[in-house]
N, C-alpha and C. Protein backbone atom coordinates (compact mmCIF):
# COMPACT_ATOMS: atom_id res chain seq x y z
N UNK A 1 0.85 -1.15 0.00
CA UNK A 1 0.01 0.01 0.01
C UNK A 1 0.87 1.24 0.02
N UNK A 2 0.58 2.19 -0.86
CA UNK A 2 1.37 3.41 -0.91
C UNK A 2 0.95 4.30 0.22
N UNK A 3 1.76 5.32 0.43
CA UNK A 3 1.50 6.26 1.53
C UNK A 3 0.15 6.95 1.37
N UNK A 4 -0.28 7.14 0.09
CA UNK A 4 -1.54 7.79 -0.13
C UNK A 4 -2.76 6.81 -0.07
N UNK A 5 -2.47 5.55 0.19
CA UNK A 5 -3.50 4.55 0.37
C UNK A 5 -3.81 3.75 -0.90
N UNK A 6 -3.31 4.13 -2.05
CA UNK A 6 -3.62 3.41 -3.29
C UNK A 6 -2.70 2.16 -3.33
N UNK A 7 -3.18 1.15 -4.02
CA UNK A 7 -2.44 -0.12 -4.15
C UNK A 7 -1.78 -0.16 -5.50
N UNK A 8 -0.53 -0.56 -5.51
CA UNK A 8 0.30 -0.65 -6.72
C UNK A 8 0.90 -2.05 -6.78
N UNK A 9 1.36 -2.43 -7.95
CA UNK A 9 1.90 -3.76 -8.11
C UNK A 9 2.98 -4.14 -7.13
N UNK A 10 3.93 -3.27 -6.89
CA UNK A 10 5.01 -3.55 -5.99
C UNK A 10 4.45 -3.66 -4.55
N UNK A 11 3.55 -2.77 -4.21
CA UNK A 11 3.09 -2.69 -2.81
C UNK A 11 2.02 -3.77 -2.54
N UNK A 12 1.47 -4.37 -3.59
CA UNK A 12 0.41 -5.37 -3.36
C UNK A 12 0.98 -6.72 -3.05
N UNK A 13 2.36 -6.89 -3.14
CA UNK A 13 2.97 -8.18 -2.80
C UNK A 13 2.83 -8.39 -1.31
N UNK A 14 2.46 -9.58 -0.94
CA UNK A 14 2.24 -9.91 0.46
C UNK A 14 3.23 -11.04 0.86
N UNK A 15 3.92 -10.84 1.92
CA UNK A 15 4.84 -11.84 2.45
C UNK A 15 4.32 -12.35 3.78
N UNK A 16 4.18 -13.65 3.87
CA UNK A 16 3.77 -14.29 5.13
C UNK A 16 5.07 -14.80 5.81
N UNK A 17 5.78 -13.90 6.40
CA UNK A 17 7.09 -14.27 6.95
C UNK A 17 7.06 -14.08 8.46
N UNK A 18 7.58 -15.09 9.13
CA UNK A 18 7.66 -15.01 10.61
C UNK A 18 8.70 -13.96 10.99
N UNK A 19 8.51 -13.39 12.18
CA UNK A 19 9.48 -12.45 12.70
C UNK A 19 9.91 -12.95 14.07
N UNK A 20 11.22 -13.05 14.23
CA UNK A 20 11.77 -13.58 15.48
C UNK A 20 12.60 -12.50 16.11
N UNK A 21 12.48 -12.34 17.45
CA UNK A 21 13.34 -11.41 18.18
C UNK A 21 14.46 -12.18 18.83
N UNK A 22 15.71 -11.66 18.68
CA UNK A 22 16.86 -12.32 19.21
C UNK A 22 17.76 -11.25 19.84
N UNK A 23 18.27 -11.48 21.04
CA UNK A 23 19.22 -10.55 21.64
C UNK A 23 20.52 -10.55 20.83
N UNK A 24 21.20 -9.44 20.87
CA UNK A 24 22.50 -9.34 20.16
C UNK A 24 23.48 -10.37 20.69
N UNK A 25 23.40 -10.67 21.98
CA UNK A 25 24.31 -11.66 22.58
C UNK A 25 24.11 -13.01 21.97
N UNK A 26 22.82 -13.42 21.87
CA UNK A 26 22.49 -14.72 21.24
C UNK A 26 22.86 -14.72 19.76
N UNK A 27 22.54 -13.61 19.08
CA UNK A 27 22.83 -13.50 17.66
C UNK A 27 24.33 -13.63 17.40
N UNK A 28 25.14 -13.05 18.24
CA UNK A 28 26.58 -13.12 18.10
C UNK A 28 27.07 -14.55 18.19
N UNK A 29 26.52 -15.29 19.19
CA UNK A 29 26.92 -16.72 19.38
C UNK A 29 26.42 -17.60 18.28
N UNK A 30 25.28 -17.27 17.69
CA UNK A 30 24.63 -18.15 16.68
C UNK A 30 24.43 -17.44 15.39
N UNK A 31 25.43 -16.62 14.98
CA UNK A 31 25.29 -15.73 13.80
C UNK A 31 24.86 -16.52 12.56
N UNK A 32 25.55 -17.61 12.30
CA UNK A 32 25.26 -18.37 11.08
C UNK A 32 23.82 -18.90 11.10
N UNK A 33 23.33 -19.28 12.27
CA UNK A 33 21.93 -19.74 12.33
C UNK A 33 20.96 -18.60 12.06
N UNK A 34 21.27 -17.42 12.60
CA UNK A 34 20.44 -16.24 12.41
C UNK A 34 20.34 -15.89 10.89
N UNK A 35 21.52 -15.89 10.31
CA UNK A 35 21.57 -15.57 8.84
C UNK A 35 20.84 -16.62 8.06
N UNK A 36 21.00 -17.89 8.40
CA UNK A 36 20.27 -18.96 7.69
C UNK A 36 18.78 -18.83 7.83
N UNK A 37 18.32 -18.43 8.99
CA UNK A 37 16.87 -18.23 9.24
C UNK A 37 16.32 -17.19 8.26
N UNK A 38 17.11 -16.13 8.09
CA UNK A 38 16.68 -15.08 7.16
C UNK A 38 16.78 -15.53 5.68
N UNK A 39 17.88 -16.20 5.42
CA UNK A 39 18.18 -16.56 4.00
C UNK A 39 17.28 -17.71 3.52
N UNK A 40 17.26 -18.78 4.30
CA UNK A 40 16.57 -20.00 3.83
C UNK A 40 15.11 -20.12 4.30
N UNK A 41 14.89 -19.73 5.59
CA UNK A 41 13.51 -19.86 6.12
C UNK A 41 12.67 -18.58 5.85
N UNK A 42 13.34 -17.53 5.30
CA UNK A 42 12.68 -16.29 4.95
C UNK A 42 12.09 -15.61 6.18
N UNK A 43 12.76 -15.76 7.31
CA UNK A 43 12.34 -15.12 8.54
C UNK A 43 12.96 -13.74 8.66
N UNK A 44 12.29 -12.83 9.24
CA UNK A 44 12.83 -11.56 9.65
C UNK A 44 13.28 -11.70 11.07
N UNK A 45 14.57 -11.42 11.31
CA UNK A 45 15.11 -11.60 12.64
C UNK A 45 15.44 -10.20 13.18
N UNK A 46 14.76 -9.84 14.26
CA UNK A 46 14.93 -8.52 14.88
C UNK A 46 15.98 -8.68 15.99
N UNK A 47 17.02 -7.86 15.95
CA UNK A 47 18.06 -7.90 16.97
C UNK A 47 17.73 -6.89 18.05
N UNK A 48 17.83 -7.33 19.31
CA UNK A 48 17.50 -6.48 20.40
C UNK A 48 18.62 -6.45 21.41
N UNK A 49 18.65 -5.35 22.18
CA UNK A 49 19.58 -5.24 23.29
C UNK A 49 18.83 -4.59 24.44
N UNK A 50 18.79 -5.28 25.57
CA UNK A 50 18.03 -4.86 26.77
C UNK A 50 16.58 -4.60 26.39
N UNK A 51 16.04 -5.42 25.50
CA UNK A 51 14.64 -5.33 25.09
C UNK A 51 14.31 -4.28 24.03
N UNK A 52 15.32 -3.54 23.63
CA UNK A 52 15.10 -2.50 22.64
C UNK A 52 15.54 -2.98 21.24
N UNK A 53 14.70 -2.74 20.25
CA UNK A 53 15.04 -3.12 18.89
C UNK A 53 16.17 -2.25 18.36
N UNK A 54 17.22 -2.92 17.82
CA UNK A 54 18.39 -2.23 17.27
C UNK A 54 18.45 -2.30 15.78
N UNK A 55 18.20 -3.47 15.22
CA UNK A 55 18.39 -3.71 13.78
C UNK A 55 17.61 -4.95 13.42
N UNK A 56 17.65 -5.27 12.14
CA UNK A 56 16.98 -6.49 11.67
C UNK A 56 17.82 -7.15 10.62
N UNK A 57 17.78 -8.47 10.59
CA UNK A 57 18.35 -9.24 9.47
C UNK A 57 17.17 -9.78 8.74
N UNK A 58 17.10 -9.42 7.45
CA UNK A 58 15.93 -9.76 6.64
C UNK A 58 16.39 -10.58 5.40
N UNK A 59 15.44 -11.30 4.82
CA UNK A 59 15.75 -11.98 3.58
C UNK A 59 16.13 -10.97 2.48
N UNK A 60 16.96 -11.37 1.56
CA UNK A 60 17.40 -10.51 0.50
C UNK A 60 16.16 -10.01 -0.33
N UNK A 61 15.18 -10.84 -0.45
CA UNK A 61 13.97 -10.43 -1.20
C UNK A 61 13.28 -9.26 -0.55
N UNK A 62 13.25 -9.26 0.81
CA UNK A 62 12.63 -8.12 1.55
C UNK A 62 13.46 -6.79 1.24
N UNK A 63 14.74 -6.92 1.28
CA UNK A 63 15.56 -5.78 1.00
C UNK A 63 15.37 -5.26 -0.38
N UNK A 64 15.29 -6.17 -1.38
CA UNK A 64 15.05 -5.78 -2.77
C UNK A 64 13.70 -5.06 -2.90
N UNK A 65 12.69 -5.59 -2.18
CA UNK A 65 11.38 -4.94 -2.25
C UNK A 65 11.42 -3.57 -1.60
N UNK A 66 12.07 -3.45 -0.48
CA UNK A 66 12.18 -2.13 0.20
C UNK A 66 12.91 -1.14 -0.74
N UNK A 67 13.98 -1.57 -1.35
CA UNK A 67 14.71 -0.69 -2.27
C UNK A 67 13.87 -0.29 -3.47
N UNK A 68 13.12 -1.22 -4.03
CA UNK A 68 12.23 -0.93 -5.14
C UNK A 68 11.16 0.09 -4.77
N UNK A 69 10.62 -0.08 -3.56
CA UNK A 69 9.64 0.87 -3.03
C UNK A 69 10.22 2.26 -2.87
N UNK A 70 11.41 2.35 -2.31
CA UNK A 70 12.06 3.64 -2.13
C UNK A 70 12.37 4.24 -3.51
N UNK A 71 12.86 3.49 -4.44
CA UNK A 71 13.12 4.00 -5.78
C UNK A 71 11.85 4.53 -6.44
N UNK A 72 10.77 3.83 -6.28
CA UNK A 72 9.49 4.27 -6.87
C UNK A 72 9.03 5.57 -6.26
N UNK A 73 9.13 5.67 -4.92
CA UNK A 73 8.70 6.90 -4.27
C UNK A 73 9.62 8.05 -4.69
N UNK A 74 10.91 7.81 -4.79
CA UNK A 74 11.85 8.87 -5.25
C UNK A 74 11.50 9.34 -6.67
N UNK A 75 11.21 8.36 -7.53
CA UNK A 75 10.85 8.70 -8.93
C UNK A 75 9.58 9.51 -8.97
N UNK A 76 8.57 9.12 -8.20
CA UNK A 76 7.31 9.82 -8.15
C UNK A 76 7.52 11.26 -7.65
N UNK A 77 8.34 11.41 -6.61
CA UNK A 77 8.63 12.75 -6.05
C UNK A 77 9.33 13.61 -7.08
N UNK A 78 10.31 13.03 -7.80
CA UNK A 78 11.06 13.81 -8.81
C UNK A 78 10.15 14.24 -9.96
N UNK A 79 9.26 13.36 -10.40
CA UNK A 79 8.32 13.72 -11.45
C UNK A 79 7.40 14.85 -11.01
N UNK A 80 6.95 14.75 -9.76
CA UNK A 80 6.09 15.78 -9.22
C UNK A 80 6.82 17.14 -9.13
N UNK A 81 8.06 17.09 -8.67
CA UNK A 81 8.85 18.32 -8.54
C UNK A 81 9.07 18.98 -9.94
N UNK A 82 9.38 18.12 -10.96
CA UNK A 82 9.55 18.64 -12.30
C UNK A 82 8.27 19.24 -12.84
N UNK A 83 7.13 18.58 -12.57
CA UNK A 83 5.86 19.07 -13.05
C UNK A 83 5.53 20.42 -12.39
N UNK A 84 5.85 20.59 -11.10
CA UNK A 84 5.59 21.85 -10.40
C UNK A 84 6.48 22.94 -10.97
N UNK A 85 7.74 22.60 -11.28
CA UNK A 85 8.64 23.59 -11.86
C UNK A 85 8.15 24.02 -13.20
N UNK A 86 7.68 23.09 -14.01
CA UNK A 86 7.21 23.38 -15.38
C UNK A 86 5.95 24.27 -15.31
N UNK A 87 5.08 23.96 -14.32
CA UNK A 87 3.86 24.76 -14.14
C UNK A 87 4.15 26.21 -13.76
N UNK A 88 5.26 26.39 -13.05
CA UNK A 88 5.68 27.71 -12.60
C UNK A 88 6.58 28.41 -13.62
N UNK A 89 6.94 27.69 -14.66
CA UNK A 89 7.83 28.28 -15.67
C UNK A 89 9.26 28.28 -15.28
N UNK A 90 9.62 27.46 -14.27
CA UNK A 90 11.01 27.40 -13.80
C UNK A 90 11.75 26.33 -14.56
N UNK A 91 13.08 26.41 -14.52
CA UNK A 91 13.94 25.44 -15.14
C UNK A 91 14.86 24.81 -14.11
N UNK A 92 15.19 23.55 -14.30
CA UNK A 92 16.11 22.87 -13.37
C UNK A 92 17.48 23.57 -13.34
N UNK A 93 18.17 23.52 -12.22
CA UNK A 93 19.53 24.06 -12.14
C UNK A 93 20.49 22.95 -12.54
N UNK A 94 21.35 23.23 -13.48
CA UNK A 94 22.33 22.15 -13.90
C UNK A 94 23.21 21.76 -12.75
N UNK A 95 23.57 20.47 -12.69
CA UNK A 95 24.39 19.92 -11.64
C UNK A 95 25.69 20.68 -11.51
N UNK A 96 26.28 21.11 -12.58
CA UNK A 96 27.55 21.82 -12.52
C UNK A 96 27.42 23.11 -11.77
N UNK A 97 26.31 23.81 -11.90
CA UNK A 97 26.08 25.07 -11.17
C UNK A 97 25.85 24.76 -9.65
N UNK A 98 25.13 23.65 -9.36
CA UNK A 98 24.90 23.29 -7.95
C UNK A 98 26.23 22.98 -7.28
N UNK A 99 27.08 22.19 -7.96
CA UNK A 99 28.40 21.88 -7.41
C UNK A 99 29.25 23.10 -7.22
N UNK A 100 29.20 24.01 -8.15
CA UNK A 100 29.99 25.27 -8.02
C UNK A 100 29.47 26.07 -6.82
N UNK A 101 28.17 26.21 -6.62
CA UNK A 101 27.61 26.93 -5.49
C UNK A 101 27.99 26.30 -4.14
N UNK A 102 28.10 24.97 -4.15
CA UNK A 102 28.46 24.30 -2.92
C UNK A 102 29.93 24.11 -2.74
N UNK A 103 30.70 24.59 -3.70
CA UNK A 103 32.19 24.50 -3.58
C UNK A 103 32.67 23.06 -3.78
N UNK A 104 32.00 22.32 -4.62
CA UNK A 104 32.39 20.88 -4.83
C UNK A 104 33.15 20.77 -6.16
């Protein structure tokens, strides 16, 4: 589901994946098992310390989906910004000018 509530092909994919919480101490001792659970069993493994979530180890497919969603949102935002500029009669600033202004 997109942020605006509409459903799109990428966002309509549903994963029935278990999520396991593991302390960082246990994950350190059993790292290969934790990675295998994400890789082969397609589990999302949440790493915790003192009960607080720190990070997650996820299947590669989840990461690819997340990156595709981020790319799609970025593309939509860029198209919207260009359309707004065009409506206002503005032109994009060339990258070379931006770099020069920033001293890069």
